[in-house]
Amino acid sequence: MVIPPPIKPLRITKYLKPYILKMHFTNKFVTAQVIHSPTATVASSASSQEKTLRSSMECTRDVAAAAMIGKILGERLLLKDIPAVSVFLKREQKYHGKVKAVIDSLRDAGVKLI
């Protein structure tokens, strides 16, 4: 009698946190994107480098620009039926300033944070 090998369960992270928010801040621009981690593709993104957004902003690198990027990203996520994302912060990023502005405006737009 042959005993089959045990079947490994699927990783639970695929079910709990499939969409991850990543933010990048430079001295000139603010960028935020949501990545679908099982397929490693960008689900949605927003940046202050976009020509349509750059004309409506006074400055493309301050806290107000970060809040606007979060609001626009939230609207784009809701259009694509993505109700919740998890936040990935790098070691040097703290919940303060631009990071806080992006996350709070995402939450105000109606996206749930896990």
PDB file of N, CA and C in Angstrom:
ATOM      1  N   MET A   1       0.836  -1.176   0.000  1.00  0.00           N
ATOM      2  CA  MET A   1       0.000   0.000   0.000  1.00  0.00           C
ATOM      3  C   MET A   1       0.883   1.242   0.000  1.00  0.00           C
ATOM      4  N   VAL A   2       0.575   2.189  -0.912  1.00  0.00           N
ATOM      5  CA  VAL A   2       1.359   3.408  -1.068  1.00  0.00           C
ATOM      6  C   VAL A   2       0.641   4.540  -0.354  1.00  0.00           C
ATOM      7  N   ILE A   3       1.387   5.230   0.483  1.00  0.00           N
ATOM      8  CA  ILE A   3       0.827   6.367   1.215  1.00  0.00           C
ATOM      9  C   ILE A   3       1.154   7.636   0.443  1.00  0.00           C
ATOM     10  N   PRO A   4       0.136   8.394   0.049  1.00  0.00           N
ATOM     11  CA  PRO A   4       0.423   9.623  -0.689  1.00  0.00           C
ATOM     12  C   PRO A   4       1.074  10.661   0.224  1.00  0.00           C
ATOM     13  N   PRO A   5       1.889  11.551  -0.357  1.00  0.00           N
ATOM     14  CA  PRO A   5       2.505  12.598   0.463  1.00  0.00           C
ATOM     15  C   PRO A   5       1.443  13.559   0.976  1.00  0.00           C
ATOM     16  N   PRO A   6       1.708  14.203   2.109  1.00  0.00           N
ATOM     17  CA  PRO A   6       0.716  15.147   2.647  1.00  0.00           C
ATOM     18  C   PRO A   6       0.565  16.349   1.720  1.00  0.00           C
ATOM     19  N   ILE A   7      -0.638  16.838   1.639  1.00  0.00           N
ATOM     20  CA  ILE A   7      -0.933  17.995   0.799  1.00  0.00           C
ATOM     21  C   ILE A   7      -0.718  19.256   1.626  1.00  0.00           C
ATOM     22  N   LYS A   8       0.115  20.150   1.097  1.00  0.00           N
ATOM     23  CA  LYS A   8       0.366  21.407   1.797  1.00  0.00           C
ATOM     24  C   LYS A   8      -0.811  22.354   1.600  1.00  0.00           C
ATOM     25  N   PRO A   9      -1.269  22.983   2.665  1.00  0.00           N
ATOM     26  CA  PRO A   9      -2.354  23.958   2.493  1.00  0.00           C
ATOM     27  C   PRO A   9      -1.824  25.206   1.784  1.00  0.00           C
ATOM     28  N   LEU A  10      -2.715  25.889   1.079  1.00  0.00           N
ATOM     29  CA  LEU A  10      -2.330  27.130   0.422  1.00  0.00           C
ATOM     30  C   LEU A  10      -1.944  28.171   1.466  1.00  0.00           C
ATOM     31  N   ARG A  11      -1.050  29.022   1.076  1.00  0.00           N
ATOM     32  CA  ARG A  11      -0.619  30.054   2.013  1.00  0.00           C
ATOM     33  C   ARG A  11      -1.799  30.955   2.348  1.00  0.00           C
ATOM     34  N   ILE A  12      -1.949  31.216   3.611  1.00  0.00           N
ATOM     35  CA  ILE A  12      -3.100  32.001   4.066  1.00  0.00           C
ATOM     36  C   ILE A  12      -2.962  33.474   3.703  1.00  0.00           C
ATOM     37  N   THR A  13      -1.745  33.921   3.414  1.00  0.00           N
ATOM     38  CA  THR A  13      -1.577  35.329   3.056  1.00  0.00           C
ATOM     39  C   THR A  13      -2.252  35.657   1.737  1.00  0.00           C
ATOM     40  N   LYS A  14      -2.464  34.665   0.876  1.00  0.00           N
ATOM     41  CA  LYS A  14      -3.157  34.933  -0.373  1.00  0.00           C
ATOM     42  C   LYS A  14      -4.603  35.331  -0.119  1.00  0.00           C
ATOM     43  N   TYR A  15      -5.170  34.851   0.975  1.00  0.00           N
ATOM     44  CA  TYR A  15      -6.560  35.132   1.258  1.00  0.00           C
ATOM     45  C   TYR A  15      -6.731  36.339   2.169  1.00  0.00           C
ATOM     46  N   LEU A  16      -5.796  36.552   3.063  1.00  0.00           N
ATOM     47  CA  LEU A  16      -5.960  37.643   4.018  1.00  0.00           C
ATOM     48  C   LEU A  16      -5.543  38.993   3.458  1.00  0.00           C
ATOM     49  N   LYS A  17      -4.413  39.032   2.773  1.00  0.00           N
ATOM     50  CA  LYS A  17      -3.883  40.312   2.321  1.00  0.00           C
ATOM     51  C   LYS A  17      -3.473  40.254   0.848  1.00  0.00           C
ATOM     52  N   PRO A  18      -4.432  40.156  -0.055  1.00  0.00           N
ATOM     53  CA  PRO A  18      -4.028  40.067  -1.456  1.00  0.00           C
ATOM     54  C   PRO A  18      -3.589  41.406  -2.050  1.00  0.00           C
ATOM     55  N   TYR A  19      -4.080  42.523  -1.512  1.00  0.00           N
ATOM     56  CA  TYR A  19      -3.729  43.836  -2.059  1.00  0.00           C
ATOM     57  C   TYR A  19      -2.898  44.610  -1.042  1.00  0.00           C
ATOM     58  N   ILE A  20      -1.748  45.092  -1.480  1.00  0.00           N
ATOM     59  CA  ILE A  20      -0.813  45.782  -0.594  1.00  0.00           C
ATOM     60  C   ILE A  20      -0.557  47.193  -1.132  1.00  0.00           C
ATOM     61  N   LEU A  21      -0.662  48.172  -0.251  1.00  0.00           N
ATOM     62  CA  LEU A  21      -0.380  49.568  -0.595  1.00  0.00           C
ATOM     63  C   LEU A  21       1.090  49.854  -0.343  1.00  0.00           C
ATOM     64  N   LYS A  22       1.771  50.360  -1.366  1.00  0.00           N
ATOM     65  CA  LYS A  22       3.168  50.768  -1.219  1.00  0.00           C
ATOM     66  C   LYS A  22       3.292  52.214  -1.661  1.00  0.00           C
ATOM     67  N   MET A  23       4.069  52.969  -0.912  1.00  0.00           N
ATOM     68  CA  MET A  23       4.235  54.391  -1.179  1.00  0.00           C
ATOM     69  C   MET A  23       5.701  54.704  -1.403  1.00  0.00           C
ATOM     70  N   HIS A  24       5.944  55.677  -2.278  1.00  0.00           N
ATOM     71  CA  HIS A  24       7.303  56.111  -2.554  1.00  0.00           C
ATOM     72  C   HIS A  24       7.311  57.634  -2.617  1.00  0.00           C
ATOM     73  N   PHE A  25       8.230  58.230  -1.871  1.00  0.00           N
ATOM     74  CA  PHE A  25       8.325  59.683  -1.803  1.00  0.00           C
ATOM     75  C   PHE A  25       9.720  60.108  -2.240  1.00  0.00           C
ATOM     76  N   THR A  26       9.795  61.045  -3.166  1.00  0.00           N
ATOM     77  CA  THR A  26      11.068  61.621  -3.565  1.00  0.00           C
ATOM     78  C   THR A  26      11.058  63.106  -3.201  1.00  0.00           C
ATOM     79  N   ASN A  27      12.123  63.792  -3.548  1.00  0.00           N
ATOM     80  CA  ASN A  27      12.180  65.225  -3.261  1.00  0.00           C
ATOM     81  C   ASN A  27      11.277  66.026  -4.188  1.00  0.00           C
ATOM     82  N   LYS A  28      10.775  65.408  -5.271  1.00  0.00           N
ATOM     83  CA  LYS A  28       9.924  66.118  -6.219  1.00  0.00           C
ATOM     84  C   LYS A  28       8.519  65.560  -6.324  1.00  0.00           C
ATOM     85  N   PHE A  29       8.328  64.255  -6.086  1.00  0.00           N
ATOM     86  CA  PHE A  29       7.041  63.638  -6.369  1.00  0.00           C
ATOM     87  C   PHE A  29       6.584  62.682  -5.270  1.00  0.00           C
ATOM     88  N   VAL A  30       5.292  62.356  -5.297  1.00  0.00           N
ATOM     89  CA  VAL A  30       4.672  61.383  -4.392  1.00  0.00           C
ATOM     90  C   VAL A  30       4.031  60.310  -5.266  1.00  0.00           C
ATOM     91  N   THR A  31       4.299  59.036  -4.960  1.00  0.00           N
ATOM     92  CA  THR A  31       3.736  57.937  -5.723  1.00  0.00           C
ATOM     93  C   THR A  31       3.167  56.913  -4.765  1.00  0.00           C
ATOM     94  N   ALA A  32       1.982  56.401  -5.079  1.00  0.00           N
ATOM     95  CA  ALA A  32       1.365  55.334  -4.294  1.00  0.00           C
ATOM     96  C   ALA A  32       0.786  54.319  -5.259  1.00  0.00           C
ATOM     97  N   GLN A  33       0.977  53.034  -4.951  1.00  0.00           N
ATOM     98  CA  GLN A  33       0.422  51.993  -5.801  1.00  0.00           C
ATOM     99  C   GLN A  33      -0.061  50.834  -4.966  1.00  0.00           C
ATOM    100  N   VAL A  34      -1.057  50.145  -5.481  1.00  0.00           N
ATOM    101  CA  VAL A  34      -1.608  48.966  -4.831  1.00  0.00           C
ATOM    102  C   VAL A  34      -1.229  47.768  -5.680  1.00  0.00           C
ATOM    103  N   ILE A  35      -0.583  46.784  -5.052  1.00  0.00           N
ATOM    104  CA  ILE A  35      -0.075  45.613  -5.748  1.00  0.00           C
ATOM    105  C   ILE A  35      -0.895  44.402  -5.350  1.00  0.00           C
ATOM    106  N   HIS A  36      -1.284  43.605  -6.336  1.00  0.00           N
ATOM    107  CA  HIS A  36      -1.957  42.330  -6.085  1.00  0.00           C
ATOM    108  C   HIS A  36      -0.854  41.302  -5.876  1.00  0.00           C
ATOM    109  N   SER A  37      -0.638  40.900  -4.626  1.00  0.00           N
ATOM    110  CA  SER A  37       0.537  40.105  -4.288  1.00  0.00           C
ATOM    111  C   SER A  37       0.549  38.688  -4.859  1.00  0.00           C
ATOM    112  N   PRO A  38      -0.578  37.962  -4.993  1.00  0.00           N
ATOM    113  CA  PRO A  38      -0.469  36.621  -5.580  1.00  0.00           C
ATOM    114  C   PRO A  38       0.008  36.629  -7.028  1.00  0.00           C
ATOM    115  N   THR A  39      -0.373  37.642  -7.797  1.00  0.00           N
ATOM    116  CA  THR A  39       0.054  37.695  -9.197  1.00  0.00           C
ATOM    117  C   THR A  39       1.188  38.686  -9.439  1.00  0.00           C
ATOM    118  N   ALA A  40       1.553  39.451  -8.429  1.00  0.00           N
ATOM    119  CA  ALA A  40       2.634  40.442  -8.503  1.00  0.00           C
ATOM    120  C   ALA A  40       2.389  41.455  -9.621  1.00  0.00           C
ATOM    121  N   THR A  41       1.153  41.932  -9.724  1.00  0.00           N
ATOM    122  CA  THR A  41       0.832  42.955 -10.702  1.00  0.00           C
ATOM    123  C   THR A  41       0.308  44.193  -9.984  1.00  0.00           C
ATOM    124  N   VAL A  42       0.427  45.325 -10.634  1.00  0.00           N
ATOM    125  CA  VAL A  42      -0.064  46.577 -10.068  1.00  0.00           C
ATOM    126  C   VAL A  42      -1.554  46.679 -10.360  1.00  0.00           C
ATOM    127  N   ALA A  43      -2.360  46.718  -9.314  1.00  0.00           N
ATOM    128  CA  ALA A  43      -3.801  46.816  -9.473  1.00  0.00           C
ATOM    129  C   ALA A  43      -4.221  48.243  -9.798  1.00  0.00           C
ATOM    130  N   SER A  44      -3.612  49.214  -9.126  1.00  0.00           N
ATOM    131  CA  SER A  44      -3.928  50.613  -9.370  1.00  0.00           C
ATOM    132  C   SER A  44      -2.793  51.471  -8.829  1.00  0.00           C
ATOM    133  N   SER A  45      -2.635  52.647  -9.396  1.00  0.00           N
ATOM    134  CA  SER A  45      -1.579  53.536  -8.910  1.00  0.00           C
ATOM    135  C   SER A  45      -1.980  54.981  -9.153  1.00  0.00           C
ATOM    136  N   ALA A  46      -1.333  55.860  -8.411  1.00  0.00           N
ATOM    137  CA  ALA A  46      -1.522  57.305  -8.584  1.00  0.00           C
ATOM    138  C   ALA A  46      -0.203  57.989  -8.257  1.00  0.00           C
ATOM    139  N   SER A  47       0.098  59.022  -8.995  1.00  0.00           N
ATOM    140  CA  SER A  47       1.358  59.715  -8.794  1.00  0.00           C
ATOM    141  C   SER A  47       1.178  61.188  -9.090  1.00  0.00           C
ATOM    142  N   SER A  48       1.983  62.000  -8.446  1.00  0.00           N
ATOM    143  CA  SER A  48       1.937  63.432  -8.726  1.00  0.00           C
ATOM    144  C   SER A  48       2.717  63.762  -9.996  1.00  0.00           C
ATOM    145  N   GLN A  49       3.278  62.769 -10.663  1.00  0.00           N
ATOM    146  CA  GLN A  49       3.959  62.968 -11.942  1.00  0.00           C
ATOM    147  C   GLN A  49       2.988  62.974 -13.118  1.00  0.00           C
ATOM    148  N   GLU A  50       1.757  62.516 -12.908  1.00  0.00           N
ATOM    149  CA  GLU A  50       0.780  62.474 -13.989  1.00  0.00           C
ATOM    150  C   GLU A  50       0.460  63.890 -14.455  1.00  0.00           C
ATOM    151  N   LYS A  51       0.416  64.073 -15.759  1.00  0.00           N
ATOM    152  CA  LYS A  51       0.215  65.408 -16.310  1.00  0.00           C
ATOM    153  C   LYS A  51      -1.130  66.007 -15.914  1.00  0.00           C
ATOM    154  N   THR A  52      -2.167  65.173 -15.842  1.00  0.00           N
ATOM    155  CA  THR A  52      -3.485  65.700 -15.507  1.00  0.00           C
ATOM    156  C   THR A  52      -3.549  66.164 -14.060  1.00  0.00           C
ATOM    157  N   LEU A  53      -2.787  65.526 -13.177  1.00  0.00           N
ATOM    158  CA  LEU A  53      -2.788  65.920 -11.766  1.00  0.00           C
ATOM    159  C   LEU A  53      -1.828  67.064 -11.490  1.00  0.00           C
ATOM    160  N   ARG A  54      -0.730  67.102 -12.213  1.00  0.00           N
ATOM    161  CA  ARG A  54       0.298  68.098 -11.942  1.00  0.00           C
ATOM    162  C   ARG A  54      -0.210  69.516 -12.154  1.00  0.00           C
ATOM    163  N   SER A  55      -1.115  69.690 -13.112  1.00  0.00           N
ATOM    164  CA  SER A  55      -1.614  71.039 -13.382  1.00  0.00           C
ATOM    165  C   SER A  55      -2.537  71.546 -12.270  1.00  0.00           C
ATOM    166  N   SER A  56      -3.198  70.619 -11.550  1.00  0.00           N
ATOM    167  CA  SER A  56      -4.121  71.053 -10.505  1.00  0.00           C
ATOM    168  C   SER A  56      -3.457  71.203  -9.132  1.00  0.00           C
ATOM    169  N   MET A  57      -2.191  70.827  -9.014  1.00  0.00           N
ATOM    170  CA  MET A  57      -1.480  70.924  -7.731  1.00  0.00           C
ATOM    171  C   MET A  57      -0.583  72.145  -7.714  1.00  0.00           C
ATOM    172  N   GLU A  58      -0.481  72.763  -6.539  1.00  0.00           N
ATOM    173  CA  GLU A  58       0.475  73.859  -6.383  1.00  0.00           C
ATOM    174  C   GLU A  58       1.883  73.295  -6.279  1.00  0.00           C
ATOM    175  N   CYS A  59       2.041  72.294  -5.415  1.00  0.00           N
ATOM    176  CA  CYS A  59       3.336  71.660  -5.206  1.00  0.00           C
ATOM    177  C   CYS A  59       3.138  70.151  -5.314  1.00  0.00           C
ATOM    178  N   THR A  60       4.069  69.442  -5.929  1.00  0.00           N
ATOM    179  CA  THR A  60       3.906  68.007  -6.162  1.00  0.00           C
ATOM    180  C   THR A  60       4.578  67.144  -5.105  1.00  0.00           C
ATOM    181  N   ARG A  61       5.074  67.746  -4.032  1.00  0.00           N
ATOM    182  CA  ARG A  61       5.825  66.950  -3.067  1.00  0.00           C
ATOM    183  C   ARG A  61       5.414  67.139  -1.613  1.00  0.00           C
ATOM    184  N   ASP A  62       4.454  67.995  -1.320  1.00  0.00           N
ATOM    185  CA  ASP A  62       4.130  68.277   0.068  1.00  0.00           C
ATOM    186  C   ASP A  62       3.001  67.379   0.580  1.00  0.00           C
ATOM    187  N   VAL A  63       2.556  67.650   1.792  1.00  0.00           N
ATOM    188  CA  VAL A  63       1.536  66.832   2.453  1.00  0.00           C
ATOM    189  C   VAL A  63       0.191  66.956   1.736  1.00  0.00           C
ATOM    190  N   ALA A  64      -0.122  68.136   1.212  1.00  0.00           N
ATOM    191  CA  ALA A  64      -1.380  68.314   0.483  1.00  0.00           C
ATOM    192  C   ALA A  64      -1.397  67.476  -0.794  1.00  0.00           C
ATOM    193  N   ALA A  65      -0.250  67.389  -1.466  1.00  0.00           N
ATOM    194  CA  ALA A  65      -0.158  66.553  -2.664  1.00  0.00           C
ATOM    195  C   ALA A  65      -0.308  65.083  -2.301  1.00  0.00           C
ATOM    196  N   ALA A  66       0.253  64.670  -1.169  1.00  0.00           N
ATOM    197  CA  ALA A  66       0.123  63.288  -0.721  1.00  0.00           C
ATOM    198  C   ALA A  66      -1.330  62.960  -0.395  1.00  0.00           C
ATOM    199  N   ALA A  67      -2.041  63.907   0.204  1.00  0.00           N
ATOM    200  CA  ALA A  67      -3.457  63.684   0.505  1.00  0.00           C
ATOM    201  C   ALA A  67      -4.269  63.565  -0.771  1.00  0.00           C
ATOM    202  N   MET A  68      -3.958  64.369  -1.767  1.00  0.00           N
ATOM    203  CA  MET A  68      -4.680  64.295  -3.032  1.00  0.00           C
ATOM    204  C   MET A  68      -4.406  62.963  -3.747  1.00  0.00           C
ATOM    205  N   ILE A  69      -3.174  62.494  -3.684  1.00  0.00           N
ATOM    206  CA  ILE A  69      -2.814  61.208  -4.302  1.00  0.00           C
ATOM    207  C   ILE A  69      -3.575  60.075  -3.615  1.00  0.00           C
ATOM    208  N   GLY A  70      -3.683  60.120  -2.298  1.00  0.00           N
ATOM    209  CA  GLY A  70      -4.437  59.102  -1.571  1.00  0.00           C
ATOM    210  C   GLY A  70      -5.914  59.114  -1.939  1.00  0.00           C
ATOM    211  N   LYS A  71      -6.469  60.299  -2.092  1.00  0.00           N
ATOM    212  CA  LYS A  71      -7.890  60.419  -2.462  1.00  0.00           C
ATOM    213  C   LYS A  71      -8.135  59.858  -3.855  1.00  0.00           C
ATOM    214  N   ILE A  72      -7.281  60.199  -4.796  1.00  0.00           N
ATOM    215  CA  ILE A  72      -7.434  59.723  -6.178  1.00  0.00           C
ATOM    216  C   ILE A  72      -7.232  58.214  -6.244  1.00  0.00           C
ATOM    217  N   LEU A  73      -6.254  57.696  -5.506  1.00  0.00           N
ATOM    218  CA  LEU A  73      -6.022  56.256  -5.493  1.00  0.00           C
ATOM    219  C   LEU A  73      -7.220  55.528  -4.892  1.00  0.00           C
ATOM    220  N   GLY A  74      -7.812  56.085  -3.850  1.00  0.00           N
ATOM    221  CA  GLY A  74      -8.992  55.485  -3.255  1.00  0.00           C
ATOM    222  C   GLY A  74     -10.160  55.410  -4.230  1.00  0.00           C
ATOM    223  N   GLU A  75     -10.361  56.478  -4.986  1.00  0.00           N
ATOM    224  CA  GLU A  75     -11.433  56.483  -5.976  1.00  0.00           C
ATOM    225  C   GLU A  75     -11.174  55.448  -7.066  1.00  0.00           C
ATOM    226  N   ARG A  76      -9.925  55.325  -7.502  1.00  0.00           N
ATOM    227  CA  ARG A  76      -9.591  54.337  -8.532  1.00  0.00           C
ATOM    228  C   ARG A  76      -9.760  52.912  -8.015  1.00  0.00           C
ATOM    229  N   LEU A  77      -9.439  52.688  -6.741  1.00  0.00           N
ATOM    230  CA  LEU A  77      -9.617  51.353  -6.173  1.00  0.00           C
ATOM    231  C   LEU A  77     -11.085  50.981  -6.082  1.00  0.00           C
ATOM    232  N   LEU A  78     -11.926  51.922  -5.686  1.00  0.00           N
ATOM    233  CA  LEU A  78     -13.356  51.633  -5.587  1.00  0.00           C
ATOM    234  C   LEU A  78     -13.971  51.404  -6.962  1.00  0.00           C
ATOM    235  N   LEU A  79     -13.456  52.048  -8.010  1.00  0.00           N
ATOM    236  CA  LEU A  79     -13.937  51.790  -9.361  1.00  0.00           C
ATOM    237  C   LEU A  79     -13.586  50.382  -9.824  1.00  0.00           C
ATOM    238  N   LYS A  80     -12.464  49.858  -9.340  1.00  0.00           N
ATOM    239  CA  LYS A  80     -12.045  48.497  -9.708  1.00  0.00           C
ATOM    240  C   LYS A  80     -12.558  47.442  -8.732  1.00  0.00           C
ATOM    241  N   ASP A  81     -13.474  47.827  -7.838  1.00  0.00           N
ATOM    242  CA  ASP A  81     -14.066  46.906  -6.853  1.00  0.00           C
ATOM    243  C   ASP A  81     -13.026  46.271  -5.936  1.00  0.00           C
ATOM    244  N   ILE A  82     -12.105  47.083  -5.440  1.00  0.00           N
ATOM    245  CA  ILE A  82     -11.129  46.639  -4.440  1.00  0.00           C
ATOM    246  C   ILE A  82     -11.495  47.358  -3.146  1.00  0.00           C
ATOM    247  N   PRO A  83     -12.177  46.673  -2.210  1.00  0.00           N
ATOM    248  CA  PRO A  83     -12.691  47.364  -1.028  1.00  0.00           C
ATOM    249  C   PRO A  83     -11.689  47.542   0.094  1.00  0.00           C
ATOM    250  N   ALA A  84     -10.625  46.710   0.120  1.00  0.00           N
ATOM    251  CA  ALA A  84      -9.693  46.768   1.256  1.00  0.00           C
ATOM    252  C   ALA A  84      -8.267  46.515   0.792  1.00  0.00           C
ATOM    253  N   VAL A  85      -7.322  47.172   1.453  1.00  0.00           N
ATOM    254  CA  VAL A  85      -5.902  46.967   1.183  1.00  0.00           C
ATOM    255  C   VAL A  85      -5.162  46.881   2.511  1.00  0.00           C
ATOM    256  N   SER A  86      -4.008  46.266   2.472  1.00  0.00           N
ATOM    257  CA  SER A  86      -3.140  46.287   3.640  1.00  0.00           C
ATOM    258  C   SER A  86      -1.982  47.237   3.344  1.00  0.00           C
ATOM    259  N   VAL A  87      -1.456  47.839   4.375  1.00  0.00           N
ATOM    260  CA  VAL A  87      -0.425  48.871   4.223  1.00  0.00           C
ATOM    261  C   VAL A  87       0.942  48.264   4.491  1.00  0.00           C
ATOM    262  N   PHE A  88       1.868  48.512   3.580  1.00  0.00           N
ATOM    263  CA  PHE A  88       3.249  48.065   3.737  1.00  0.00           C
ATOM    264  C   PHE A  88       4.121  49.292   3.912  1.00  0.00           C
ATOM    265  N   LEU A  89       4.699  49.437   5.106  1.00  0.00           N
ATOM    266  CA  LEU A  89       5.584  50.567   5.379  1.00  0.00           C
ATOM    267  C   LEU A  89       7.017  50.072   5.437  1.00  0.00           C
ATOM    268  N   LYS A  90       7.898  50.813   4.815  1.00  0.00           N
ATOM    269  CA  LYS A  90       9.314  50.483   4.908  1.00  0.00           C
ATOM    270  C   LYS A  90       9.807  50.816   6.308  1.00  0.00           C
ATOM    271  N   ARG A  91      10.992  50.381   6.617  1.00  0.00           N
ATOM    272  CA  ARG A  91      11.515  50.562   7.969  1.00  0.00           C
ATOM    273  C   ARG A  91      11.646  52.030   8.343  1.00  0.00           C
ATOM    274  N   GLU A  92      12.019  52.861   7.385  1.00  0.00           N
ATOM    275  CA  GLU A  92      12.225  54.266   7.703  1.00  0.00           C
ATOM    276  C   GLU A  92      10.928  55.079   7.651  1.00  0.00           C
ATOM    277  N   GLN A  93       9.834  54.496   7.142  1.00  0.00           N
ATOM    278  CA  GLN A  93       8.576  55.211   7.074  1.00  0.00           C
ATOM    279  C   GLN A  93       7.809  55.075   8.379  1.00  0.00           C
ATOM    280  N   LYS A  94       7.385  56.193   8.908  1.00  0.00           N
ATOM    281  CA  LYS A  94       6.573  56.219  10.117  1.00  0.00           C
ATOM    282  C   LYS A  94       5.219  56.809   9.773  1.00  0.00           C
ATOM    283  N   TYR A  95       4.230  56.521  10.589  1.00  0.00           N
ATOM    284  CA  TYR A  95       2.879  57.024  10.367  1.00  0.00           C
ATOM    285  C   TYR A  95       2.850  58.492  10.778  1.00  0.00           C
ATOM    286  N   HIS A  96       3.392  59.328   9.882  1.00  0.00           N
ATOM    287  CA  HIS A  96       3.516  60.749  10.177  1.00  0.00           C
ATOM    288  C   HIS A  96       3.717  61.491   8.860  1.00  0.00           C
ATOM    289  N   GLY A  97       3.179  62.662   8.756  1.00  0.00           N
ATOM    290  CA  GLY A  97       3.424  63.513   7.598  1.00  0.00           C
ATOM    291  C   GLY A  97       2.745  63.006   6.337  1.00  0.00           C
ATOM    292  N   LYS A  98       3.554  62.803   5.278  1.00  0.00           N
ATOM    293  CA  LYS A  98       3.021  62.381   3.987  1.00  0.00           C
ATOM    294  C   LYS A  98       2.398  60.994   4.052  1.00  0.00           C
ATOM    295  N   VAL A  99       3.014  60.096   4.799  1.00  0.00           N
ATOM    296  CA  VAL A  99       2.488  58.734   4.933  1.00  0.00           C
ATOM    297  C   VAL A  99       1.104  58.782   5.571  1.00  0.00           C
ATOM    298  N   LYS A 100       0.975  59.574   6.610  1.00  0.00           N
ATOM    299  CA  LYS A 100      -0.314  59.704   7.290  1.00  0.00           C
ATOM    300  C   LYS A 100      -1.352  60.340   6.368  1.00  0.00           C
ATOM    301  N   ALA A 101      -0.944  61.309   5.561  1.00  0.00           N
ATOM    302  CA  ALA A 101      -1.872  61.972   4.656  1.00  0.00           C
ATOM    303  C   ALA A 101      -2.412  60.998   3.618  1.00  0.00           C
ATOM    304  N   VAL A 102      -1.549  60.160   3.044  1.00  0.00           N
ATOM    305  CA  VAL A 102      -1.991  59.186   2.041  1.00  0.00           C
ATOM    306  C   VAL A 102      -2.945  58.181   2.668  1.00  0.00           C
ATOM    307  N   ILE A 103      -2.576  57.633   3.817  1.00  0.00           N
ATOM    308  CA  ILE A 103      -3.388  56.596   4.456  1.00  0.00           C
ATOM    309  C   ILE A 103      -4.731  57.154   4.919  1.00  0.00           C
ATOM    310  N   ASP A 104      -4.725  58.338   5.513  1.00  0.00           N
ATOM    311  CA  ASP A 104      -5.989  58.922   5.986  1.00  0.00           C
ATOM    312  C   ASP A 104      -6.925  59.279   4.834  1.00  0.00           C
ATOM    313  N   SER A 105      -6.389  59.782   3.736  1.00  0.00           N
ATOM    314  CA  SER A 105      -7.254  60.114   2.614  1.00  0.00           C
ATOM    315  C   SER A 105      -7.778  58.862   1.918  1.00  0.00           C
ATOM    316  N   LEU A 106      -7.013  57.779   1.944  1.00  0.00           N
ATOM    317  CA  LEU A 106      -7.519  56.489   1.446  1.00  0.00           C
ATOM    318  C   LEU A 106      -8.696  56.033   2.293  1.00  0.00           C
ATOM    319  N   ARG A 107      -8.535  56.137   3.597  1.00  0.00           N
ATOM    320  CA  ARG A 107      -9.597  55.731   4.522  1.00  0.00           C
ATOM    321  C   ARG A 107     -10.837  56.611   4.341  1.00  0.00           C
ATOM    322  N   ASP A 108     -10.648  57.916   4.131  1.00  0.00           N
ATOM    323  CA  ASP A 108     -11.769  58.824   3.920  1.00  0.00           C
ATOM    324  C   ASP A 108     -12.482  58.555   2.601  1.00  0.00           C
ATOM    325  N   ALA A 109     -11.750  58.031   1.613  1.00  0.00           N
ATOM    326  CA  ALA A 109     -12.357  57.730   0.306  1.00  0.00           C
ATOM    327  C   ALA A 109     -13.251  56.491   0.372  1.00  0.00           C
ATOM    328  N   GLY A 110     -13.119  55.699   1.429  1.00  0.00           N
ATOM    329  CA  GLY A 110     -13.993  54.529   1.575  1.00  0.00           C
ATOM    330  C   GLY A 110     -13.285  53.207   1.486  1.00  0.00           C
ATOM    331  N   VAL A 111     -11.964  53.205   1.367  1.00  0.00           N
ATOM    332  CA  VAL A 111     -11.206  51.955   1.300  1.00  0.00           C
ATOM    333  C   VAL A 111     -10.869  51.521   2.723  1.00  0.00           C
ATOM    334  N   LYS A 112     -11.105  50.270   3.035  1.00  0.00           N
ATOM    335  CA  LYS A 112     -10.789  49.755   4.368  1.00  0.00           C
ATOM    336  C   LYS A 112      -9.330  49.330   4.410  1.00  0.00           C
ATOM    337  N   LEU A 113      -8.694  49.574   5.542  1.00  0.00           N
ATOM    338  CA  LEU A 113      -7.302  49.192   5.719  1.00  0.00           C
ATOM    339  C   LEU A 113      -7.213  47.991   6.642  1.00  0.00           C
ATOM    340  N   ILE A 114      -6.482  46.991   6.198  1.00  0.00           N
ATOM    341  CA  ILE A 114      -6.331  45.775   6.998  1.00  0.00           C
ATOM    342  C   ILE A 114      -5.010  45.828   7.740  1.00  0.00           C
TER     343      ILE A 114
END
